[in-house]
C-alpha atoms as a PDB file:
ATOM      1  CA  MET A   1      22.330  -8.152   6.241  1.00  0.00           C
ATOM      2  CA  SER A   2      22.645  -4.977   8.490  1.00  0.00           C
ATOM      3  CA  THR A   3      22.561  -3.725  12.085  1.00  0.00           C
ATOM      4  CA  LYS A   4      19.912  -1.663  13.502  1.00  0.00           C
ATOM      5  CA  LYS A   5      19.120   2.009  12.127  1.00  0.00           C
ATOM      6  CA  ASN A   6      17.920   4.935  13.783  1.00  0.00           C
ATOM      7  CA  ARG A   7      14.306   4.476  13.112  1.00  0.00           C
ATOM      8  CA  GLN A   8      13.598   8.477  12.284  1.00  0.00           C
ATOM      9  CA  PRO A   9      10.124   8.332  10.435  1.00  0.00           C
ATOM     10  CA  GLY A  10       8.829  10.526   7.851  1.00  0.00           C
ATOM     11  CA  ILE A  11       5.346  11.009   6.922  1.00  0.00           C
ATOM     12  CA  HIS A  12       3.026  12.237   3.944  1.00  0.00           C
ATOM     13  CA  PHE A  13      -0.059  13.836   3.704  1.00  0.00           C
ATOM     14  CA  ASP A  14      -1.799  16.481   1.764  1.00  0.00           C
ATOM     15  CA  ALA A  15      -5.212  18.022   1.343  1.00  0.00           C
ATOM     16  CA  ARG A  16      -4.763  18.084  -2.327  1.00  0.00           C
ATOM     17  CA  TYR A  17      -5.799  14.454  -2.528  1.00  0.00           C
ATOM     18  CA  GLU A  18      -9.425  15.695  -1.512  1.00  0.00           C
ATOM     19  CA  ARG A  19      -9.752  16.840  -4.986  1.00  0.00           C
ATOM     20  CA  HIS A  20     -10.374  13.126  -6.080  1.00  0.00           C
ATOM     21  CA  ASP A  21     -14.152  13.850  -5.585  1.00  0.00           C
ATOM     22  CA  THR A  22     -15.908  10.214  -5.444  1.00  0.00           C
ATOM     23  CA  GLY A  23     -19.169  11.900  -3.834  1.00  0.00           C
ATOM     24  CA  PRO A  24     -20.587  12.143  -0.466  1.00  0.00           C
ATOM     25  CA  PHE A  25     -21.448   9.101   0.048  1.00  0.00           C
ATOM     26  CA  HIS A  26     -18.869   6.663  -1.352  1.00  0.00           C
ATOM     27  CA  PRO A  27     -16.683   4.704   1.327  1.00  0.00           C
ATOM     28  CA  GLU A  28     -13.373   6.125  -0.428  1.00  0.00           C
ATOM     29  CA  SER A  29     -14.319   9.675   0.494  1.00  0.00           C
ATOM     30  CA  ALA A  30     -12.508  13.056   1.113  1.00  0.00           C
ATOM     31  CA  THR A  31     -14.027  12.675   4.710  1.00  0.00           C
ATOM     32  CA  ARG A  32     -12.483   9.540   5.791  1.00  0.00           C
ATOM     33  CA  TYR A  33      -9.232  11.239   4.458  1.00  0.00           C
ATOM     34  CA  ARG A  34      -9.825  14.185   6.317  1.00  0.00           C
ATOM     35  CA  ALA A  35     -10.028  12.387   9.737  1.00  0.00           C
ATOM     36  CA  LEU A  36      -6.725  10.559   8.653  1.00  0.00           C
ATOM     37  CA  CYS A  37      -4.974  13.957   8.286  1.00  0.00           C
ATOM     38  CA  ALA A  38      -6.153  15.713  11.154  1.00  0.00           C
ATOM     39  CA  ALA A  39      -4.685  12.631  13.039  1.00  0.00           C
ATOM     40  CA  LEU A  40      -1.577  12.667  11.524  1.00  0.00           C
ATOM     41  CA  GLU A  41      -0.796  16.894  12.056  1.00  0.00           C
ATOM     42  CA  ASP A  42      -0.865  15.808  15.645  1.00  0.00           C
ATOM     43  CA  LEU A  43       2.077  13.760  15.619  1.00  0.00           C
ATOM     44  CA  PRO A  44       5.162  15.041  17.302  1.00  0.00           C
ATOM     45  CA  PRO A  45       7.659  17.329  14.559  1.00  0.00           C
ATOM     46  CA  SER A  46      10.056  14.416  15.107  1.00  0.00           C
ATOM     47  CA  PHE A  47       8.139  12.895  12.147  1.00  0.00           C
ATOM     48  CA  VAL A  48       9.673  14.339   8.777  1.00  0.00           C
ATOM     49  CA  LYS A  49       6.967  15.747   6.440  1.00  0.00           C
ATOM     50  CA  ILE A  50       7.785  14.466   3.169  1.00  0.00           C
ATOM     51  CA  PRO A  51       7.044  16.581   0.275  1.00  0.00           C
ATOM     52  CA  GLY A  52       4.957  15.100  -2.672  1.00  0.00           C
ATOM     53  CA  ARG A  53       5.822  15.460  -6.329  1.00  0.00           C
ATOM     54  CA  ILE A  54       4.009  14.402  -9.768  1.00  0.00           C
ATOM     55  CA  ALA A  55       4.823  11.378 -11.151  1.00  0.00           C
ATOM     56  CA  THR A  56       6.155  11.254 -14.747  1.00  0.00           C
ATOM     57  CA  THR A  57       4.116   9.320 -17.223  1.00  0.00           C
ATOM     58  CA  GLU A  58       7.527   7.391 -17.834  1.00  0.00           C
ATOM     59  CA  GLU A  59       7.669   6.196 -14.028  1.00  0.00           C
ATOM     60  CA  VAL A  60       3.806   5.372 -14.223  1.00  0.00           C
ATOM     61  CA  LEU A  61       4.417   3.272 -17.287  1.00  0.00           C
ATOM     62  CA  LEU A  62       6.940   1.090 -15.218  1.00  0.00           C
ATOM     63  CA  ALA A  63       3.640  -0.780 -13.849  1.00  0.00           C
ATOM     64  CA  HIS A  64       1.334   0.045 -16.298  1.00  0.00           C
ATOM     65  CA  ALA A  65       0.153  -0.088 -20.161  1.00  0.00           C
ATOM     66  CA  SER A  66       0.474   3.248 -22.029  1.00  0.00           C
ATOM     67  CA  TRP A  67      -2.771   2.801 -23.456  1.00  0.00           C
ATOM     68  CA  TYR A  68      -4.708   2.565 -19.870  1.00  0.00           C
ATOM     69  CA  LEU A  69      -2.711   5.953 -18.804  1.00  0.00           C
ATOM     70  CA  ASP A  70      -4.545   7.374 -22.008  1.00  0.00           C
ATOM     71  CA  VAL A  71      -7.751   5.703 -20.635  1.00  0.00           C
ATOM     72  CA  VAL A  72      -7.796   7.330 -17.547  1.00  0.00           C
ATOM     73  CA  ARG A  73      -6.665  10.498 -18.645  1.00  0.00           C
ATOM     74  CA  GLN A  74      -9.657  10.666 -21.374  1.00  0.00           C
ATOM     75  CA  ASP A  75     -11.923   9.397 -18.786  1.00  0.00           C
ATOM     76  CA  ALA A  76     -11.220  12.089 -16.487  1.00  0.00           C
ATOM     77  CA  GLU A  77     -11.010  14.974 -19.112  1.00  0.00           C
ATOM     78  CA  ASN A  78     -14.463  13.622 -20.323  1.00  0.00           C
ATOM     79  CA  PHE A  79     -16.437  14.038 -17.218  1.00  0.00           C
ATOM     80  CA  ALA A  80     -16.827  10.418 -16.572  1.00  0.00           C
ATOM     81  CA  ASP A  81     -17.975   9.333 -13.107  1.00  0.00           C
ATOM     82  CA  GLN A  82     -16.792   5.904 -13.391  1.00  0.00           C
ATOM     83  CA  LEU A  83     -13.272   4.684 -15.173  1.00  0.00           C
ATOM     84  CA  ARG A  84     -14.368   2.760 -18.064  1.00  0.00           C
ATOM     85  CA  THR A  85     -12.336  -0.564 -16.738  1.00  0.00           C
ATOM     86  CA  GLY A  86     -14.024  -1.211 -13.504  1.00  0.00           C
ATOM     87  CA  ASP A  87     -15.572   0.214 -10.175  1.00  0.00           C
ATOM     88  CA  THR A  88     -13.552   3.170  -9.504  1.00  0.00           C
ATOM     89  CA  PRO A  89     -15.232   6.425  -9.393  1.00  0.00           C
ATOM     90  CA  LEU A  90     -13.504   9.667 -11.029  1.00  0.00           C
ATOM     91  CA  CYS A  91     -13.838  13.306 -11.487  1.00  0.00           C
ATOM     92  CA  PRO A  92     -11.969  15.685 -13.850  1.00  0.00           C
ATOM     93  CA  GLU A  93      -9.155  16.279 -11.385  1.00  0.00           C
ATOM     94  CA  SER A  94      -8.823  12.242 -10.622  1.00  0.00           C
ATOM     95  CA  TYR A  95      -5.759  11.789 -13.304  1.00  0.00           C
ATOM     96  CA  ASP A  96      -3.737  14.510 -11.780  1.00  0.00           C
ATOM     97  CA  VAL A  97      -4.398  13.501  -8.190  1.00  0.00           C
ATOM     98  CA  ALA A  98      -3.517   9.803  -8.986  1.00  0.00           C
ATOM     99  CA  LEU A  99      -0.155  11.229 -10.850  1.00  0.00           C
ATOM    100  CA  GLU A 100       0.638  13.140  -7.388  1.00  0.00           C
ATOM    101  CA  ALA A 101      -0.295  10.090  -5.201  1.00  0.00           C
ATOM    102  CA  CYS A 102       2.052   7.934  -7.075  1.00  0.00           C
ATOM    103  CA  GLY A 103       4.898  10.484  -7.192  1.00  0.00           C
ATOM    104  CA  ALA A 104       4.629  11.005  -3.436  1.00  0.00           C
ATOM    105  CA  VAL A 105       5.427   7.256  -2.820  1.00  0.00           C
ATOM    106  CA  LEU A 106       7.982   7.985  -5.268  1.00  0.00           C
ATOM    107  CA  SER A 107       9.494  10.783  -3.227  1.00  0.00           C
ATOM    108  CA  ALA A 108       9.038   8.707   0.216  1.00  0.00           C
ATOM    109  CA  THR A 109      11.078   6.066  -1.544  1.00  0.00           C
ATOM    110  CA  ASP A 110      13.979   8.396  -2.519  1.00  0.00           C
ATOM    111  CA  PHE A 111      13.745  10.011   1.147  1.00  0.00           C
ATOM    112  CA  VAL A 112      14.420   6.665   2.376  1.00  0.00           C
ATOM    113  CA  MET A 113      17.267   5.601  -0.170  1.00  0.00           C
ATOM    114  CA  ARG A 114      19.214   8.716   0.567  1.00  0.00           C
ATOM    115  CA  GLY A 115      18.787   7.736   4.262  1.00  0.00           C
ATOM    116  CA  GLU A 116      16.887  11.233   5.196  1.00  0.00           C
ATOM    117  CA  VAL A 117      14.160   8.942   7.077  1.00  0.00           C
ATOM    118  CA  ALA A 118      14.452   5.500   8.156  1.00  0.00           C
ATOM    119  CA  SER A 119      11.135   4.744   6.878  1.00  0.00           C
ATOM    120  CA  ALA A 120       7.935   6.502   5.604  1.00  0.00           C
ATOM    121  CA  PHE A 121       4.224   6.325   5.830  1.00  0.00           C
ATOM    122  CA  CYS A 122       2.403   7.792   2.581  1.00  0.00           C
ATOM    123  CA  ALA A 123      -1.126   8.898   3.277  1.00  0.00           C
ATOM    124  CA  VAL A 124      -2.273   9.136  -0.234  1.00  0.00           C
ATOM    125  CA  ARG A 125      -5.552   8.668  -1.992  1.00  0.00           C
ATOM    126  CA  PRO A 126      -6.846   7.061  -4.532  1.00  0.00           C
ATOM    127  CA  PRO A 127      -5.514   3.871  -3.247  1.00  0.00           C
ATOM    128  CA  GLY A 128      -3.923   1.521  -5.725  1.00  0.00           C
ATOM    129  CA  HIS A 129      -3.450  -2.421  -4.901  1.00  0.00           C
ATOM    130  CA  HIS A 130      -6.332  -3.441  -6.984  1.00  0.00           C
ATOM    131  CA  ALA A 131      -5.094  -1.635 -10.070  1.00  0.00           C
ATOM    132  CA  THR A 132      -3.486  -4.370 -12.593  1.00  0.00           C
ATOM    133  CA  SER A 133      -1.261  -3.008 -15.435  1.00  0.00           C
ATOM    134  CA  ASP A 134      -4.323  -2.176 -17.709  1.00  0.00           C
ATOM    135  CA  LEU A 135      -7.183  -2.300 -15.355  1.00  0.00           C
ATOM    136  CA  GLY A 136      -8.257  -0.022 -12.757  1.00  0.00           C
ATOM    137  CA  MET A 137     -10.943  -1.203 -10.297  1.00  0.00           C
ATOM    138  CA  GLY A 138     -11.711  -1.437  -6.742  1.00  0.00           C
ATOM    139  CA  PHE A 139     -11.635   2.311  -6.147  1.00  0.00           C
ATOM    140  CA  CYS A 140      -7.783   1.999  -7.518  1.00  0.00           C
ATOM    141  CA  ILE A 141      -6.348   3.912 -10.505  1.00  0.00           C
ATOM    142  CA  PHE A 142      -2.840   3.362 -10.360  1.00  0.00           C
ATOM    143  CA  ASN A 143      -0.873   0.763  -8.359  1.00  0.00           C
ATOM    144  CA  HIS A 144       1.600   2.818  -6.508  1.00  0.00           C
ATOM    145  CA  VAL A 145       3.540   0.003  -4.802  1.00  0.00           C
ATOM    146  CA  ALA A 146       3.772  -1.793  -7.863  1.00  0.00           C
ATOM    147  CA  VAL A 147       4.996   1.645  -9.536  1.00  0.00           C
ATOM    148  CA  ALA A 148       7.488   1.839  -6.310  1.00  0.00           C
ATOM    149  CA  ALA A 149       8.738  -1.569  -6.683  1.00  0.00           C
ATOM    150  CA  ARG A 150       9.851  -1.072 -10.464  1.00  0.00           C
ATOM    151  CA  TYR A 151      11.449   2.556  -9.163  1.00  0.00           C
ATOM    152  CA  LEU A 152      13.344   0.877  -6.636  1.00  0.00           C
ATOM    153  CA  GLN A 153      14.967  -1.961  -8.995  1.00  0.00           C
ATOM    154  CA  ILE A 154      15.568   0.567 -12.048  1.00  0.00           C
ATOM    155  CA  HIS A 155      16.639   3.893 -10.235  1.00  0.00           C
ATOM    156  CA  HIS A 156      18.058   2.667  -7.019  1.00  0.00           C
ATOM    157  CA  GLY A 157      19.162  -0.884  -7.485  1.00  0.00           C
ATOM    158  CA  ARG A 158      17.270  -2.725  -5.081  1.00  0.00           C
ATOM    159  CA  GLN A 159      16.920  -5.865  -7.075  1.00  0.00           C
ATOM    160  CA  ARG A 160      14.847  -8.108  -4.558  1.00  0.00           C
ATOM    161  CA  VAL A 161      11.699  -6.222  -3.116  1.00  0.00           C
ATOM    162  CA  VAL A 162       8.996  -7.607  -0.766  1.00  0.00           C
ATOM    163  CA  ILE A 163       5.723  -6.102  -0.665  1.00  0.00           C
ATOM    164  CA  VAL A 164       3.454  -6.841   2.150  1.00  0.00           C
ATOM    165  CA  ASP A 165      -0.254  -6.339   1.876  1.00  0.00           C
ATOM    166  CA  TRP A 166      -2.532  -6.472   4.718  1.00  0.00           C
ATOM    167  CA  ASP A 167      -5.549  -4.643   3.516  1.00  0.00           C
ATOM    168  CA  VAL A 168      -8.754  -6.905   4.313  1.00  0.00           C
ATOM    169  CA  HIS A 169      -9.005  -7.175   0.463  1.00  0.00           C
ATOM    170  CA  HIS A 170      -6.320  -9.359  -1.633  1.00  0.00           C
ATOM    171  CA  GLY A 171      -4.665  -6.831  -3.831  1.00  0.00           C
ATOM    172  CA  ASN A 172      -4.971  -8.550  -6.976  1.00  0.00           C
ATOM    173  CA  GLY A 173      -3.573  -5.794  -9.233  1.00  0.00           C
ATOM    174  CA  THR A 174      -0.333  -6.175  -7.218  1.00  0.00           C
ATOM    175  CA  GLU A 175      -0.115  -9.940  -7.529  1.00  0.00           C
ATOM    176  CA  ALA A 176      -0.778  -9.884 -11.405  1.00  0.00           C
ATOM    177  CA  ILE A 177       1.885  -7.227 -12.016  1.00  0.00           C
ATOM    178  CA  PHE A 178       4.409  -9.359 -10.281  1.00  0.00           C
ATOM    179  CA  ARG A 179       3.098 -12.708 -10.857  1.00  0.00           C
ATOM    180  CA  GLU A 180       6.098 -14.330 -13.145  1.00  0.00           C
ATOM    181  CA  ASP A 181       8.547 -12.089 -11.285  1.00  0.00           C
ATOM    182  CA  PRO A 182      11.103 -13.910  -9.131  1.00  0.00           C
ATOM    183  CA  ASP A 183      12.697 -10.580  -7.827  1.00  0.00           C
ATOM    184  CA  VAL A 184       9.264  -9.052  -6.306  1.00  0.00           C
ATOM    185  CA  PHE A 185       7.764 -11.321  -3.351  1.00  0.00           C
ATOM    186  CA  TYR A 186       4.186 -10.082  -2.727  1.00  0.00           C
ATOM    187  CA  ILE A 187       2.639 -11.383   0.440  1.00  0.00           C
ATOM    188  CA  SER A 188      -1.163 -10.935   1.365  1.00  0.00           C
ATOM    189  CA  LEU A 189      -2.933 -11.073   4.511  1.00  0.00           C
ATOM    190  CA  HIS A 190      -6.429 -10.827   3.641  1.00  0.00           C
ATOM    191  CA  GLU A 191     -10.036 -11.770   4.323  1.00  0.00           C
ATOM    192  CA  HIS A 192     -11.287 -15.102   2.806  1.00  0.00           C
ATOM    193  CA  GLY A 193     -14.241 -15.019   0.158  1.00  0.00           C
ATOM    194  CA  ILE A 194     -14.541 -11.451  -0.175  1.00  0.00           C
ATOM    195  CA  TYR A 195     -13.787  -8.976  -2.774  1.00  0.00           C
ATOM    196  CA  PRO A 196     -12.103  -9.294  -5.509  1.00  0.00           C
ATOM    197  CA  PHE A 197     -12.597 -13.160  -4.982  1.00  0.00           C
ATOM    198  CA  THR A 198      -8.856 -13.787  -5.650  1.00  0.00           C
ATOM    199  CA  GLY A 199      -5.949 -14.567  -3.251  1.00  0.00           C
ATOM    200  CA  ALA A 200      -6.404 -18.109  -2.317  1.00  0.00           C
ATOM    201  CA  ALA A 201      -3.535 -19.930  -0.899  1.00  0.00           C
ATOM    202  CA  GLY A 202      -2.862 -21.845  -3.508  1.00  0.00           C
ATOM    203  CA  GLU A 203      -1.987 -18.773  -5.755  1.00  0.00           C
ATOM    204  CA  GLN A 204       2.058 -18.691  -5.698  1.00  0.00           C
ATOM    205  CA  GLY A 205       3.235 -17.304  -8.795  1.00  0.00           C
ATOM    206  CA  GLN A 206       3.752 -18.448 -12.109  1.00  0.00           C
ATOM    207  CA  GLY A 207       6.602 -19.313 -14.449  1.00  0.00           C
ATOM    208  CA  ALA A 208       9.903 -17.701 -13.238  1.00  0.00           C
ATOM    209  CA  GLY A 209       7.734 -16.352 -10.045  1.00  0.00           C
ATOM    210  CA  ALA A 210       6.432 -19.502  -8.891  1.00  0.00           C
ATOM    211  CA  GLY A 211       6.796 -19.390  -4.990  1.00  0.00           C
ATOM    212  CA  ALA A 212       7.302 -15.716  -5.160  1.00  0.00           C
ATOM    213  CA  THR A 213       3.766 -15.105  -4.184  1.00  0.00           C
ATOM    214  CA  LEU A 214       2.256 -15.978  -0.772  1.00  0.00           C
ATOM    215  CA  ASN A 215      -1.451 -15.393   0.236  1.00  0.00           C
ATOM    216  CA  LEU A 216      -2.430 -16.083   3.722  1.00  0.00           C
ATOM    217  CA  PRO A 217      -6.746 -15.685   3.358  1.00  0.00           C
ATOM    218  CA  LEU A 218      -7.917 -15.507   6.939  1.00  0.00           C
ATOM    219  CA  PRO A 219     -11.547 -16.692   8.154  1.00  0.00           C
ATOM    220  CA  GLN A 220     -14.055 -14.229   8.399  1.00  0.00           C
ATOM    221  CA  ASN A 221     -14.455 -12.639  12.237  1.00  0.00           C
ATOM    222  CA  SER A 222     -10.942 -13.783  12.752  1.00  0.00           C
ATOM    223  CA  GLY A 223      -8.748 -11.081  14.821  1.00  0.00           C
ATOM    224  CA  GLY A 224      -5.369  -9.911  15.601  1.00  0.00           C
ATOM    225  CA  ARG A 225      -4.163 -13.226  17.055  1.00  0.00           C
ATOM    226  CA  GLU A 226      -4.959 -15.241  13.729  1.00  0.00           C
ATOM    227  CA  ALA A 227      -2.841 -12.602  11.776  1.00  0.00           C
ATOM    228  CA  LEU A 228       0.053 -12.485  14.188  1.00  0.00           C
ATOM    229  CA  LEU A 229       0.200 -16.193  14.232  1.00  0.00           C
ATOM    230  CA  ALA A 230       0.301 -16.374  10.387  1.00  0.00           C
ATOM    231  CA  TRP A 231       2.980 -13.633  10.243  1.00  0.00           C
ATOM    232  CA  ASP A 232       4.847 -15.685  12.656  1.00  0.00           C
ATOM    233  CA  LYS A 233       4.807 -19.292  10.998  1.00  0.00           C
ATOM    234  CA  LYS A 234       4.267 -17.942   7.365  1.00  0.00           C
ATOM    235  CA  ILE A 235       5.646 -14.789   6.564  1.00  0.00           C
ATOM    236  CA  ALA A 236       8.927 -14.142   8.835  1.00  0.00           C
ATOM    237  CA  PRO A 237      10.344 -17.212   7.487  1.00  0.00           C
ATOM    238  CA  ALA A 238       9.514 -16.483   3.884  1.00  0.00           C
ATOM    239  CA  VAL A 239      10.968 -13.194   3.944  1.00  0.00           C
ATOM    240  CA  ALA A 240      14.165 -14.598   5.606  1.00  0.00           C
ATOM    241  CA  ASP A 241      14.485 -16.886   2.681  1.00  0.00           C
ATOM    242  CA  PHE A 242      13.985 -14.087   0.388  1.00  0.00           C
ATOM    243  CA  GLN A 243      16.332 -11.753   1.666  1.00  0.00           C
ATOM    244  CA  PRO A 244      14.773  -8.213   0.365  1.00  0.00           C
ATOM    245  CA  GLU A 245      16.623  -5.142   0.045  1.00  0.00           C
ATOM    246  CA  PHE A 246      13.711  -3.108   0.423  1.00  0.00           C
ATOM    247  CA  PHE A 247      10.358  -3.209   2.279  1.00  0.00           C
ATOM    248  CA  LEU A 248       6.845  -2.080   1.021  1.00  0.00           C
ATOM    249  CA  ILE A 249       3.836  -2.222   2.902  1.00  0.00           C
ATOM    250  CA  SER A 250       0.180  -1.804   1.248  1.00  0.00           C
ATOM    251  CA  ALA A 251      -1.264  -0.532   4.315  1.00  0.00           C
ATOM    252  CA  GLY A 252      -5.142  -0.866   4.391  1.00  0.00           C
ATOM    253  CA  PHE A 253      -6.764  -0.317   7.886  1.00  0.00           C
ATOM    254  CA  ASP A 254     -10.198  -1.965   6.617  1.00  0.00           C
ATOM    255  CA  ALA A 255      -9.496  -5.148   8.721  1.00  0.00           C
ATOM    256  CA  HIS A 256     -10.139  -3.087  11.748  1.00  0.00           C
ATOM    257  CA  GLN A 257     -13.078  -4.139  13.927  1.00  0.00           C
ATOM    258  CA  ASN A 258     -14.946  -0.736  13.662  1.00  0.00           C
ATOM    259  CA  ASP A 259     -14.451  -0.859   9.593  1.00  0.00           C
ATOM    260  CA  PRO A 260     -18.080  -1.030   7.794  1.00  0.00           C
ATOM    261  CA  ILE A 261     -16.641  -2.908   4.780  1.00  0.00           C
ATOM    262  CA  GLY A 262     -14.339  -5.467   6.284  1.00  0.00           C
ATOM    263  CA  GLY A 263     -15.464  -8.660   8.113  1.00  0.00           C
ATOM    264  CA  LEU A 264     -12.146  -9.135  10.395  1.00  0.00           C
ATOM    265  CA  GLN A 265     -11.558  -8.050  13.868  1.00  0.00           C
ATOM    266  CA  TRP A 266      -8.416  -6.316  13.978  1.00  0.00           C
ATOM    267  CA  THR A 267      -7.391  -3.671  16.678  1.00  0.00           C
ATOM    268  CA  ASP A 268      -4.867  -0.559  16.857  1.00  0.00           C
ATOM    269  CA  LYS A 269      -2.756  -3.268  18.678  1.00  0.00           C
ATOM    270  CA  THR A 270      -2.791  -5.715  15.709  1.00  0.00           C
ATOM    271  CA  TYR A 271      -1.648  -2.996  13.564  1.00  0.00           C
ATOM    272  CA  ALA A 272       1.143  -1.999  15.904  1.00  0.00           C
ATOM    273  CA  GLU A 273       2.327  -5.570  16.124  1.00  0.00           C
ATOM    274  CA  LEU A 274       2.242  -6.245  12.603  1.00  0.00           C
ATOM    275  CA  THR A 275       4.366  -3.157  11.992  1.00  0.00           C
ATOM    276  CA  ARG A 276       6.872  -4.017  14.526  1.00  0.00           C
ATOM    277  CA  ARG A 277       7.382  -7.250  13.033  1.00  0.00           C
ATOM    278  CA  SER A 278       7.834  -5.477   9.588  1.00  0.00           C
ATOM    279  CA  VAL A 279      10.378  -3.167  11.205  1.00  0.00           C
ATOM    280  CA  ALA A 280      12.111  -5.958  12.453  1.00  0.00           C
ATOM    281  CA  LEU A 281      12.481  -8.216   9.375  1.00  0.00           C
ATOM    282  CA  ALA A 282      13.242  -4.790   7.432  1.00  0.00           C
ATOM    283  CA  GLU A 283      16.053  -4.098  10.125  1.00  0.00           C
ATOM    284  CA  THR A 284      17.603  -7.414   9.643  1.00  0.00           C
ATOM    285  CA  TRP A 285      17.486  -7.631   5.912  1.00  0.00           C
ATOM    286  CA  CYS A 286      17.340  -4.104   4.101  1.00  0.00           C
ATOM    287  CA  ALA A 287      18.901  -1.684   6.646  1.00  0.00           C
ATOM    288  CA  GLY A 288      15.125  -0.589   8.013  1.00  0.00           C
ATOM    289  CA  ARG A 289      14.132   0.453   4.680  1.00  0.00           C
ATOM    290  CA  ILE A 290      10.400   0.523   4.584  1.00  0.00           C
ATOM    291  CA  VAL A 291       7.683   2.712   2.856  1.00  0.00           C
ATOM    292  CA  SER A 292       3.973   2.255   3.968  1.00  0.00           C
ATOM    293  CA  VAL A 293       1.424   3.227   1.378  1.00  0.00           C
ATOM    294  CA  LEU A 294      -2.270   3.775   2.269  1.00  0.00           C
ATOM    295  CA  GLU A 295      -4.885   1.631   0.813  1.00  0.00           C
ATOM    296  CA  GLY A 296      -8.217   0.797   2.431  1.00  0.00           C
ATOM    297  CA  GLY A 297     -10.174   2.028   5.533  1.00  0.00           C
ATOM    298  CA  TYR A 298     -13.431   3.145   5.735  1.00  0.00           C
ATOM    299  CA  ASN A 299     -14.394   4.214   9.222  1.00  0.00           C
ATOM    300  CA  PRO A 300     -12.786   7.570   9.467  1.00  0.00           C
ATOM    301  CA  ALA A 301     -12.044   7.023  13.346  1.00  0.00           C
ATOM    302  CA  ALA A 302     -10.980   3.476  13.150  1.00  0.00           C
ATOM    303  CA  LEU A 303      -8.574   4.612   9.902  1.00  0.00           C
ATOM    304  CA  ALA A 304      -7.302   7.426  11.959  1.00  0.00           C
ATOM    305  CA  SER A 305      -6.454   5.541  15.320  1.00  0.00           C
ATOM    306  CA  ALA A 306      -4.841   2.610  13.341  1.00  0.00           C
ATOM    307  CA  ALA A 307      -2.875   4.663  11.094  1.00  0.00           C
ATOM    308  CA  VAL A 308      -1.593   6.845  13.895  1.00  0.00           C
ATOM    309  CA  ALA A 309      -0.671   3.164  15.859  1.00  0.00           C
ATOM    310  CA  HIS A 310       1.068   2.127  12.781  1.00  0.00           C
ATOM    311  CA  VAL A 311       3.421   5.262  12.120  1.00  0.00           C
ATOM    312  CA  LYS A 312       4.419   5.122  15.875  1.00  0.00           C
ATOM    313  CA  ALA A 313       5.325   1.560  15.520  1.00  0.00           C
ATOM    314  CA  LEU A 314       7.348   2.747  12.456  1.00  0.00           C
ATOM    315  CA  ALA A 315       9.418   4.768  14.812  1.00  0.00           C
ATOM    316  CA  GLY A 316      10.116   2.023  17.378  1.00  0.00           C
END
């Protein structure tokens, strides 16, 4: 257990991620990212800018198969417009951009572990939580939070890591990577019955990891009240039982009521409240250490306003 810390936050965003060209009409486009970056630029200077870096092959291999990295690199180099393993757009720069996105999350993790910031939000793309160890899908190439969890264990000695995923879609890739791992607790709040059609409440992990997965599918058109009730009744007690040493968030903003893809009715206030609850748990169990990573969110204005609400709530 720990006492409350100073909540000086860090943020990372960079126009370089716009090099991942998904085409002008794709939901996960540079247009939505530019809107987010413009909003983050307006945050006060107390938000520390965290520099990015390129993840090494060895770091990405903490959560991915070596042959899968070869597939991504080859597809990008051969000018494929889709990753051969799934519904993920590519351009020649996509492999490099995905490495940069993953590296930025690891950079933020280092900043938090060194105490230079108390928490961090990484606005990176492409997103990651649908990517399994050997399958890119759902707009995702590398699973940034999964790599970060393994990195925390191996390089920072943080054995027990919790990942909270509040994207409107279930993070099937993250769950699959840690399904049999008792030391990474994966928790997902998502809409029931939509892509990728996984994440039923009965999916609770397997083998040694039985009980280290918590899926909370929410009914279509439900709002923030239902999400926060699920948090208070299910997530908070489960995290307290697990007693994590680090808190990772897959921060999707496509459960917003104005999102064109999701079917939930969350508001900016919902994201702020979920973040405050995350901060409270992190301060209790892991010295406030949080790294939050952008996932979905496809209405540019809603993405920007919800993400800003999230970052401000990280700051307390």
